[in-house]
């Protein structure tokens, strides 16, 4: 349902990953968020990843325009950095009015 909050838990094999972060969000193939130039994401942002646990959250999405959002994540495990490009795909659609 548009606007409803959603949480995804990470899954992994091996050592517990740490230092989770969102390093890029694309909307319909175009850059939507880049932490090097956009304001820092917060727990109240529409997209958020908890840095320690890796729980990905979506909330406060009412103001997002319809489209396909792809979220790229980064974490560290056993001292090695891992990037997961376009790991989460979310399609925001207009709410159907009947």
PDB file of N, CA and C in Angstrom:
ATOM      1  N   UNK A   1       0.848  -1.175   0.000  1.00  0.00           N
ATOM      2  CA  UNK A   1       0.000   0.000   0.000  1.00  0.00           C
ATOM      3  C   UNK A   1       0.894   1.239   0.000  1.00  0.00           C
ATOM      4  N   UNK A   2       0.664   2.176  -0.903  1.00  0.00           N
ATOM      5  CA  UNK A   2       1.506   3.366  -0.938  1.00  0.00           C
ATOM      6  C   UNK A   2       1.552   4.074   0.419  1.00  0.00           C
ATOM      7  N   UNK A   3       2.750   4.414   0.830  1.00  0.00           N
ATOM      8  CA  UNK A   3       2.929   5.151   2.068  1.00  0.00           C
ATOM      9  C   UNK A   3       3.111   4.291   3.297  1.00  0.00           C
ATOM     10  N   UNK A   4       2.764   2.996   3.230  1.00  0.00           N
ATOM     11  CA  UNK A   4       2.943   2.133   4.386  1.00  0.00           C
ATOM     12  C   UNK A   4       4.431   1.871   4.615  1.00  0.00           C
ATOM     13  N   UNK A   5       4.870   1.860   5.882  1.00  0.00           N
ATOM     14  CA  UNK A   5       6.273   1.577   6.159  1.00  0.00           C
ATOM     15  C   UNK A   5       6.609   0.115   5.859  1.00  0.00           C
ATOM     16  N   UNK A   6       7.881  -0.131   5.518  1.00  0.00           N
ATOM     17  CA  UNK A   6       8.348  -1.474   5.219  1.00  0.00           C
ATOM     18  C   UNK A   6       9.765  -1.616   5.771  1.00  0.00           C
ATOM     19  N   UNK A   7      10.090  -2.803   6.327  1.00  0.00           N
ATOM     20  CA  UNK A   7      11.429  -3.080   6.829  1.00  0.00           C
ATOM     21  C   UNK A   7      11.896  -4.416   6.259  1.00  0.00           C
ATOM     22  N   UNK A   8      13.133  -4.453   5.774  1.00  0.00           N
ATOM     23  CA  UNK A   8      13.751  -5.688   5.274  1.00  0.00           C
ATOM     24  C   UNK A   8      14.979  -5.996   6.118  1.00  0.00           C
ATOM     25  N   UNK A   9      15.091  -7.249   6.549  1.00  0.00           N
ATOM     26  CA  UNK A   9      16.262  -7.676   7.319  1.00  0.00           C
ATOM     27  C   UNK A   9      17.326  -8.199   6.353  1.00  0.00           C
ATOM     28  N   UNK A  10      18.603  -7.960   6.659  1.00  0.00           N
ATOM     29  CA  UNK A  10      19.661  -8.476   5.784  1.00  0.00           C
ATOM     30  C   UNK A  10      19.818  -9.986   5.957  1.00  0.00           C
ATOM     31  N   UNK A  11      20.319 -10.629   4.938  1.00  0.00           N
ATOM     32  CA  UNK A  11      20.692 -12.045   5.048  1.00  0.00           C
ATOM     33  C   UNK A  11      22.139 -12.169   4.582  1.00  0.00           C
ATOM     34  N   UNK A  12      22.874 -13.085   5.170  1.00  0.00           N
ATOM     35  CA  UNK A  12      24.281 -13.211   4.840  1.00  0.00           C
ATOM     36  C   UNK A  12      24.789 -14.588   5.266  1.00  0.00           C
ATOM     37  N   UNK A  13      25.930 -14.960   4.718  1.00  0.00           N
ATOM     38  CA  UNK A  13      26.646 -16.174   5.097  1.00  0.00           C
ATOM     39  C   UNK A  13      28.029 -15.727   5.530  1.00  0.00           C
ATOM     40  N   UNK A  14      28.520 -16.244   6.631  1.00  0.00           N
ATOM     41  CA  UNK A  14      29.853 -15.877   7.099  1.00  0.00           C
ATOM     42  C   UNK A  14      29.790 -14.884   8.242  1.00  0.00           C
ATOM     43  N   UNK A  15      30.858 -14.092   8.372  1.00  0.00           N
ATOM     44  CA  UNK A  15      30.929 -13.118   9.465  1.00  0.00           C
ATOM     45  C   UNK A  15      29.833 -12.067   9.344  1.00  0.00           C
ATOM     46  N   UNK A  16      29.373 -11.596  10.479  1.00  0.00           N
ATOM     47  CA  UNK A  16      28.321 -10.584  10.509  1.00  0.00           C
ATOM     48  C   UNK A  16      28.823  -9.293   9.876  1.00  0.00           C
ATOM     49  N   UNK A  17      28.119  -8.791   8.850  1.00  0.00           N
ATOM     50  CA  UNK A  17      28.533  -7.528   8.228  1.00  0.00           C
ATOM     51  C   UNK A  17      28.257  -6.329   9.135  1.00  0.00           C
ATOM     52  N   UNK A  18      28.983  -5.250   8.877  1.00  0.00           N
ATOM     53  CA  UNK A  18      28.834  -4.004   9.627  1.00  0.00           C
ATOM     54  C   UNK A  18      28.911  -2.830   8.654  1.00  0.00           C
ATOM     55  N   UNK A  19      28.782  -1.639   9.191  1.00  0.00           N
ATOM     56  CA  UNK A  19      28.965  -0.395   8.426  1.00  0.00           C
ATOM     57  C   UNK A  19      28.093  -0.335   7.174  1.00  0.00           C
ATOM     58  N   UNK A  20      26.829  -0.676   7.328  1.00  0.00           N
ATOM     59  CA  UNK A  20      25.900  -0.619   6.204  1.00  0.00           C
ATOM     60  C   UNK A  20      25.642   0.828   5.808  1.00  0.00           C
ATOM     61  N   UNK A  21      25.503   1.057   4.510  1.00  0.00           N
ATOM     62  CA  UNK A  21      25.138   2.386   4.020  1.00  0.00           C
ATOM     63  C   UNK A  21      24.515   2.289   2.636  1.00  0.00           C
ATOM     64  N   UNK A  22      23.702   3.269   2.325  1.00  0.00           N
ATOM     65  CA  UNK A  22      23.156   3.411   0.979  1.00  0.00           C
ATOM     66  C   UNK A  22      24.116   4.312   0.226  1.00  0.00           C
ATOM     67  N   UNK A  23      24.653   3.832  -0.894  1.00  0.00           N
ATOM     68  CA  UNK A  23      25.606   4.666  -1.628  1.00  0.00           C
ATOM     69  C   UNK A  23      25.043   5.223  -2.926  1.00  0.00           C
ATOM     70  N   UNK A  24      23.841   4.794  -3.323  1.00  0.00           N
ATOM     71  CA  UNK A  24      23.232   5.343  -4.531  1.00  0.00           C
ATOM     72  C   UNK A  24      21.777   4.890  -4.601  1.00  0.00           C
ATOM     73  N   UNK A  25      20.907   5.788  -5.043  1.00  0.00           N
ATOM     74  CA  UNK A  25      19.527   5.432  -5.362  1.00  0.00           C
ATOM     75  C   UNK A  25      19.246   5.986  -6.749  1.00  0.00           C
ATOM     76  N   UNK A  26      18.718   5.132  -7.615  1.00  0.00           N
ATOM     77  CA  UNK A  26      18.318   5.556  -8.957  1.00  0.00           C
ATOM     78  C   UNK A  26      16.796   5.501  -9.051  1.00  0.00           C
ATOM     79  N   UNK A  27      16.242   6.439  -9.782  1.00  0.00           N
ATOM     80  CA  UNK A  27      14.817   6.426 -10.080  1.00  0.00           C
ATOM     81  C   UNK A  27      14.686   6.375 -11.597  1.00  0.00           C
ATOM     82  N   UNK A  28      14.049   5.312 -12.076  1.00  0.00           N
ATOM     83  CA  UNK A  28      13.878   5.121 -13.522  1.00  0.00           C
ATOM     84  C   UNK A  28      15.205   5.272 -14.275  1.00  0.00           C
ATOM     85  N   UNK A  29      16.274   4.728 -13.688  1.00  0.00           N
ATOM     86  CA  UNK A  29      17.582   4.728 -14.329  1.00  0.00           C
ATOM     87  C   UNK A  29      18.409   5.985 -14.136  1.00  0.00           C
ATOM     88  N   UNK A  30      17.831   7.026 -13.547  1.00  0.00           N
ATOM     89  CA  UNK A  30      18.567   8.277 -13.328  1.00  0.00           C
ATOM     90  C   UNK A  30      18.884   8.439 -11.845  1.00  0.00           C
ATOM     91  N   UNK A  31      20.021   9.058 -11.573  1.00  0.00           N
ATOM     92  CA  UNK A  31      20.431   9.258 -10.183  1.00  0.00           C
ATOM     93  C   UNK A  31      19.366  10.045  -9.418  1.00  0.00           C
ATOM     94  N   UNK A  32      18.953   9.497  -8.285  1.00  0.00           N
ATOM     95  CA  UNK A  32      17.974  10.132  -7.411  1.00  0.00           C
ATOM     96  C   UNK A  32      18.646  10.601  -6.121  1.00  0.00           C
ATOM     97  N   UNK A  33      19.599   9.804  -5.633  1.00  0.00           N
ATOM     98  CA  UNK A  33      20.317  10.145  -4.408  1.00  0.00           C
ATOM     99  C   UNK A  33      21.765   9.682  -4.514  1.00  0.00           C
ATOM    100  N   UNK A  34      22.691  10.582  -4.179  1.00  0.00           N
ATOM    101  CA  UNK A  34      24.116  10.278  -4.103  1.00  0.00           C
ATOM    102  C   UNK A  34      24.641  10.957  -2.845  1.00  0.00           C
ATOM    103  N   UNK A  35      25.158  10.196  -1.856  1.00  0.00           N
ATOM    104  CA  UNK A  35      25.577  10.811  -0.595  1.00  0.00           C
ATOM    105  C   UNK A  35      26.716  11.809  -0.729  1.00  0.00           C
ATOM    106  N   UNK A  36      27.431  11.785  -1.856  1.00  0.00           N
ATOM    107  CA  UNK A  36      28.526  12.745  -2.044  1.00  0.00           C
ATOM    108  C   UNK A  36      28.005  14.146  -2.346  1.00  0.00           C
ATOM    109  N   UNK A  37      26.759  14.251  -2.856  1.00  0.00           N
ATOM    110  CA  UNK A  37      26.240  15.573  -3.220  1.00  0.00           C
ATOM    111  C   UNK A  37      24.883  15.896  -2.602  1.00  0.00           C
ATOM    112  N   UNK A  38      24.150  14.889  -2.125  1.00  0.00           N
ATOM    113  CA  UNK A  38      22.824  15.116  -1.546  1.00  0.00           C
ATOM    114  C   UNK A  38      22.904  15.144  -0.023  1.00  0.00           C
ATOM    115  N   UNK A  39      21.889  15.741   0.627  1.00  0.00           N
ATOM    116  CA  UNK A  39      21.876  15.743   2.095  1.00  0.00           C
ATOM    117  C   UNK A  39      21.882  14.311   2.638  1.00  0.00           C
ATOM    118  N   UNK A  40      22.478  14.155   3.799  1.00  0.00           N
ATOM    119  CA  UNK A  40      22.588  12.842   4.425  1.00  0.00           C
ATOM    120  C   UNK A  40      21.204  12.261   4.722  1.00  0.00           C
ATOM    121  N   UNK A  41      21.035  10.956   4.467  1.00  0.00           N
ATOM    122  CA  UNK A  41      19.787  10.285   4.811  1.00  0.00           C
ATOM    123  C   UNK A  41      19.687  10.160   6.326  1.00  0.00           C
ATOM    124  N   UNK A  42      18.478  10.223   6.843  1.00  0.00           N
ATOM    125  CA  UNK A  42      18.226  10.096   8.271  1.00  0.00           C
ATOM    126  C   UNK A  42      17.184   8.996   8.486  1.00  0.00           C
ATOM    127  N   UNK A  43      16.980   8.576   9.741  1.00  0.00           N
ATOM    128  CA  UNK A  43      15.944   7.567   9.991  1.00  0.00           C
ATOM    129  C   UNK A  43      14.540   8.006   9.556  1.00  0.00           C
ATOM    130  N   UNK A  44      14.332   9.282   9.315  1.00  0.00           N
ATOM    131  CA  UNK A  44      13.031   9.780   8.861  1.00  0.00           C
ATOM    132  C   UNK A  44      12.943   9.898   7.337  1.00  0.00           C
ATOM    133  N   UNK A  45      14.054   9.662   6.639  1.00  0.00           N
ATOM    134  CA  UNK A  45      14.064   9.733   5.172  1.00  0.00           C
ATOM    135  C   UNK A  45      13.217   8.600   4.591  1.00  0.00           C
ATOM    136  N   UNK A  46      12.716   8.777   3.359  1.00  0.00           N
ATOM    137  CA  UNK A  46      11.933   7.693   2.753  1.00  0.00           C
ATOM    138  C   UNK A  46      12.710   6.377   2.653  1.00  0.00           C
ATOM    139  N   UNK A  47      14.024   6.445   2.387  1.00  0.00           N
ATOM    140  CA  UNK A  47      14.875   5.266   2.335  1.00  0.00           C
ATOM    141  C   UNK A  47      15.932   5.396   3.424  1.00  0.00           C
ATOM    142  N   UNK A  48      16.183   4.308   4.162  1.00  0.00           N
ATOM    143  CA  UNK A  48      17.145   4.369   5.263  1.00  0.00           C
ATOM    144  C   UNK A  48      17.681   2.966   5.521  1.00  0.00           C
ATOM    145  N   UNK A  49      18.955   2.863   5.830  1.00  0.00           N
ATOM    146  CA  UNK A  49      19.519   1.591   6.284  1.00  0.00           C
ATOM    147  C   UNK A  49      20.205   1.833   7.614  1.00  0.00           C
ATOM    148  N   UNK A  50      19.889   1.010   8.593  1.00  0.00           N
ATOM    149  CA  UNK A  50      20.480   1.137   9.917  1.00  0.00           C
ATOM    150  C   UNK A  50      21.930   0.667   9.806  1.00  0.00           C
ATOM    151  N   UNK A  51      22.903   1.532  10.118  1.00  0.00           N
ATOM    152  CA  UNK A  51      24.316   1.228   9.864  1.00  0.00           C
ATOM    153  C   UNK A  51      24.850  -0.018  10.570  1.00  0.00           C
ATOM    154  N   UNK A  52      24.347  -0.335  11.749  1.00  0.00           N
ATOM    155  CA  UNK A  52      24.872  -1.467  12.508  1.00  0.00           C
ATOM    156  C   UNK A  52      24.192  -2.781  12.146  1.00  0.00           C
ATOM    157  N   UNK A  53      22.861  -2.781  12.106  1.00  0.00           N
ATOM    158  CA  UNK A  53      22.117  -4.032  11.884  1.00  0.00           C
ATOM    159  C   UNK A  53      21.882  -4.342  10.407  1.00  0.00           C
ATOM    160  N   UNK A  54      21.895  -3.325   9.551  1.00  0.00           N
ATOM    161  CA  UNK A  54      21.621  -3.522   8.142  1.00  0.00           C
ATOM    162  C   UNK A  54      20.151  -3.583   7.788  1.00  0.00           C
ATOM    163  N   UNK A  55      19.270  -3.296   8.753  1.00  0.00           N
ATOM    164  CA  UNK A  55      17.845  -3.282   8.450  1.00  0.00           C
ATOM    165  C   UNK A  55      17.539  -2.109   7.517  1.00  0.00           C
ATOM    166  N   UNK A  56      16.938  -2.423   6.378  1.00  0.00           N
ATOM    167  CA  UNK A  56      16.549  -1.415   5.397  1.00  0.00           C
ATOM    168  C   UNK A  56      15.110  -1.021   5.681  1.00  0.00           C
ATOM    169  N   UNK A  57      14.856   0.280   5.716  1.00  0.00           N
ATOM    170  CA  UNK A  57      13.508   0.767   6.012  1.00  0.00           C
ATOM    171  C   UNK A  57      13.048   1.744   4.946  1.00  0.00           C
ATOM    172  N   UNK A  58      11.772   1.643   4.648  1.00  0.00           N
ATOM    173  CA  UNK A  58      11.091   2.636   3.810  1.00  0.00           C
ATOM    174  C   UNK A  58       9.920   3.159   4.614  1.00  0.00           C
ATOM    175  N   UNK A  59       9.781   4.454   4.653  1.00  0.00           N
ATOM    176  CA  UNK A  59       8.662   5.089   5.332  1.00  0.00           C
ATOM    177  C   UNK A  59       8.520   6.489   4.773  1.00  0.00           C
ATOM    178  N   UNK A  60       7.460   7.157   5.106  1.00  0.00           N
ATOM    179  CA  UNK A  60       7.251   8.538   4.651  1.00  0.00           C
ATOM    180  C   UNK A  60       7.406   8.648   3.131  1.00  0.00           C
ATOM    181  N   UNK A  61       6.785   7.725   2.403  1.00  0.00           N
ATOM    182  CA  UNK A  61       6.941   7.682   0.947  1.00  0.00           C
ATOM    183  C   UNK A  61       5.827   8.397   0.196  1.00  0.00           C
ATOM    184  N   UNK A  62       4.916   9.023   0.897  1.00  0.00           N
ATOM    185  CA  UNK A  62       3.782   9.682   0.240  1.00  0.00           C
ATOM    186  C   UNK A  62       4.217  10.725  -0.782  1.00  0.00           C
ATOM    187  N   UNK A  63       5.349  11.384  -0.557  1.00  0.00           N
ATOM    188  CA  UNK A  63       5.790  12.453  -1.456  1.00  0.00           C
ATOM    189  C   UNK A  63       6.703  11.981  -2.581  1.00  0.00           C
ATOM    190  N   UNK A  64       7.004  10.678  -2.632  1.00  0.00           N
ATOM    191  CA  UNK A  64       7.825  10.171  -3.729  1.00  0.00           C
ATOM    192  C   UNK A  64       6.978  10.106  -4.997  1.00  0.00           C
ATOM    193  N   UNK A  65       7.567  10.506  -6.105  1.00  0.00           N
ATOM    194  CA  UNK A  65       6.844  10.433  -7.371  1.00  0.00           C
ATOM    195  C   UNK A  65       6.862   8.992  -7.876  1.00  0.00           C
ATOM    196  N   UNK A  66       5.820   8.587  -8.601  1.00  0.00           N
ATOM    197  CA  UNK A  66       5.774   7.218  -9.115  1.00  0.00           C
ATOM    198  C   UNK A  66       6.996   6.903  -9.973  1.00  0.00           C
ATOM    199  N   UNK A  67       7.454   5.670  -9.889  1.00  0.00           N
ATOM    200  CA  UNK A  67       8.589   5.218 -10.666  1.00  0.00           C
ATOM    201  C   UNK A  67       9.243   4.028 -10.002  1.00  0.00           C
ATOM    202  N   UNK A  68      10.303   3.526 -10.626  1.00  0.00           N
ATOM    203  CA  UNK A  68      11.054   2.399 -10.095  1.00  0.00           C
ATOM    204  C   UNK A  68      12.340   2.907  -9.469  1.00  0.00           C
ATOM    205  N   UNK A  69      12.491   2.660  -8.186  1.00  0.00           N
ATOM    206  CA  UNK A  69      13.654   3.088  -7.422  1.00  0.00           C
ATOM    207  C   UNK A  69      14.549   1.876  -7.182  1.00  0.00           C
ATOM    208  N   UNK A  70      15.852   2.018  -7.462  1.00  0.00           N
ATOM    209  CA  UNK A  70      16.824   0.958  -7.217  1.00  0.00           C
ATOM    210  C   UNK A  70      17.850   1.471  -6.222  1.00  0.00           C
ATOM    211  N   UNK A  71      17.993   0.728  -5.124  1.00  0.00           N
ATOM    212  CA  UNK A  71      18.848   1.138  -4.016  1.00  0.00           C
ATOM    213  C   UNK A  71      20.116   0.291  -4.015  1.00  0.00           C
ATOM    214  N   UNK A  72      21.267   0.960  -4.003  1.00  0.00           N
ATOM    215  CA  UNK A  72      22.572   0.290  -3.947  1.00  0.00           C
ATOM    216  C   UNK A  72      23.124   0.411  -2.532  1.00  0.00           C
ATOM    217  N   UNK A  73      23.586  -0.724  -1.994  1.00  0.00           N
ATOM    218  CA  UNK A  73      24.034  -0.800  -0.607  1.00  0.00           C
ATOM    219  C   UNK A  73      25.505  -1.170  -0.531  1.00  0.00           C
ATOM    220  N   UNK A  74      26.102  -0.828   0.606  1.00  0.00           N
ATOM    221  CA  UNK A  74      27.508  -1.135   0.873  1.00  0.00           C
ATOM    222  C   UNK A  74      27.605  -1.610   2.324  1.00  0.00           C
ATOM    223  N   UNK A  75      28.507  -2.567   2.571  1.00  0.00           N
ATOM    224  CA  UNK A  75      28.782  -2.998   3.940  1.00  0.00           C
ATOM    225  C   UNK A  75      30.203  -3.541   4.013  1.00  0.00           C
ATOM    226  N   UNK A  76      30.607  -3.895   5.223  1.00  0.00           N
ATOM    227  CA  UNK A  76      31.939  -4.450   5.452  1.00  0.00           C
ATOM    228  C   UNK A  76      31.765  -5.772   6.192  1.00  0.00           C
ATOM    229  N   UNK A  77      32.542  -6.785   5.806  1.00  0.00           N
ATOM    230  CA  UNK A  77      32.533  -8.065   6.500  1.00  0.00           C
ATOM    231  C   UNK A  77      33.946  -8.629   6.488  1.00  0.00           C
ATOM    232  N   UNK A  78      34.407  -9.045   7.654  1.00  0.00           N
ATOM    233  CA  UNK A  78      35.762  -9.593   7.807  1.00  0.00           C
ATOM    234  C   UNK A  78      36.818  -8.646   7.229  1.00  0.00           C
ATOM    235  N   UNK A  79      36.584  -7.334   7.398  1.00  0.00           N
ATOM    236  CA  UNK A  79      37.535  -6.332   6.939  1.00  0.00           C
ATOM    237  C   UNK A  79      37.497  -6.030   5.453  1.00  0.00           C
ATOM    238  N   UNK A  80      36.559  -6.639   4.730  1.00  0.00           N
ATOM    239  CA  UNK A  80      36.449  -6.428   3.287  1.00  0.00           C
ATOM    240  C   UNK A  80      35.183  -5.630   2.995  1.00  0.00           C
ATOM    241  N   UNK A  81      35.303  -4.616   2.124  1.00  0.00           N
ATOM    242  CA  UNK A  81      34.139  -3.823   1.723  1.00  0.00           C
ATOM    243  C   UNK A  81      33.412  -4.516   0.576  1.00  0.00           C
ATOM    244  N   UNK A  82      32.082  -4.524   0.654  1.00  0.00           N
ATOM    245  CA  UNK A  82      31.252  -5.121  -0.388  1.00  0.00           C
ATOM    246  C   UNK A  82      30.226  -4.102  -0.876  1.00  0.00           C
ATOM    247  N   UNK A  83      30.071  -3.987  -2.182  1.00  0.00           N
ATOM    248  CA  UNK A  83      29.058  -3.134  -2.788  1.00  0.00           C
ATOM    249  C   UNK A  83      28.019  -4.024  -3.457  1.00  0.00           C
ATOM    250  N   UNK A  84      26.752  -3.662  -3.273  1.00  0.00           N
ATOM    251  CA  UNK A  84      25.642  -4.388  -3.873  1.00  0.00           C
ATOM    252  C   UNK A  84      24.825  -3.397  -4.686  1.00  0.00           C
ATOM    253  N   UNK A  85      25.172  -3.277  -5.958  1.00  0.00           N
ATOM    254  CA  UNK A  85      24.523  -2.303  -6.839  1.00  0.00           C
ATOM    255  C   UNK A  85      23.095  -2.727  -7.149  1.00  0.00           C
ATOM    256  N   UNK A  86      22.172  -1.764  -7.059  1.00  0.00           N
ATOM    257  CA  UNK A  86      20.755  -1.985  -7.384  1.00  0.00           C
ATOM    258  C   UNK A  86      20.197  -3.216  -6.673  1.00  0.00           C
ATOM    259  N   UNK A  87      20.546  -3.403  -5.413  1.00  0.00           N
ATOM    260  CA  UNK A  87      20.168  -4.602  -4.661  1.00  0.00           C
ATOM    261  C   UNK A  87      18.690  -4.636  -4.304  1.00  0.00           C
ATOM    262  N   UNK A  88      18.105  -3.489  -4.047  1.00  0.00           N
ATOM    263  CA  UNK A  88      16.686  -3.425  -3.681  1.00  0.00           C
ATOM    264  C   UNK A  88      15.958  -2.611  -4.744  1.00  0.00           C
ATOM    265  N   UNK A  89      14.888  -3.174  -5.276  1.00  0.00           N
ATOM    266  CA  UNK A  89      14.069  -2.479  -6.267  1.00  0.00           C
ATOM    267  C   UNK A  89      12.681  -2.263  -5.684  1.00  0.00           C
ATOM    268  N   UNK A  90      12.226  -1.021  -5.752  1.00  0.00           N
ATOM    269  CA  UNK A  90      10.910  -0.655  -5.236  1.00  0.00           C
ATOM    270  C   UNK A  90      10.170   0.109  -6.319  1.00  0.00           C
ATOM    271  N   UNK A  91       8.955  -0.301  -6.595  1.00  0.00           N
ATOM    272  CA  UNK A  91       8.135   0.416  -7.571  1.00  0.00           C
ATOM    273  C   UNK A  91       7.076   1.207  -6.813  1.00  0.00           C
ATOM    274  N   UNK A  92       7.146   2.519  -6.946  1.00  0.00           N
ATOM    275  CA  UNK A  92       6.152   3.407  -6.338  1.00  0.00           C
ATOM    276  C   UNK A  92       5.101   3.691  -7.407  1.00  0.00           C
ATOM    277  N   UNK A  93       3.852   3.412  -7.084  1.00  0.00           N
ATOM    278  CA  UNK A  93       2.764   3.633  -8.028  1.00  0.00           C
ATOM    279  C   UNK A  93       1.768   4.596  -7.427  1.00  0.00           C
ATOM    280  N   UNK A  94       0.991   5.225  -8.287  1.00  0.00           N
ATOM    281  CA  UNK A  94      -0.065   6.100  -7.795  1.00  0.00           C
ATOM    282  C   UNK A  94      -1.133   5.225  -7.161  1.00  0.00           C
ATOM    283  N   UNK A  95      -1.646   5.682  -6.048  1.00  0.00           N
ATOM    284  CA  UNK A  95      -2.711   4.937  -5.387  1.00  0.00           C
ATOM    285  C   UNK A  95      -3.958   4.994  -6.243  1.00  0.00           C
ATOM    286  N   UNK A  96      -4.569   3.848  -6.457  1.00  0.00           N
ATOM    287  CA  UNK A  96      -5.768   3.783  -7.279  1.00  0.00           C
ATOM    288  C   UNK A  96      -6.961   4.307  -6.478  1.00  0.00           C
ATOM    289  N   UNK A  97      -7.682   5.239  -7.063  1.00  0.00           N
ATOM    290  CA  UNK A  97      -8.864   5.806  -6.422  1.00  0.00           C
ATOM    291  C   UNK A  97     -10.087   5.186  -7.071  1.00  0.00           C
ATOM    292  N   UNK A  98     -10.956   4.627  -6.256  1.00  0.00           N
ATOM    293  CA  UNK A  98     -12.165   3.997  -6.806  1.00  0.00           C
ATOM    294  C   UNK A  98     -13.407   4.739  -6.373  1.00  0.00           C
TER     295      UNK A  98
END
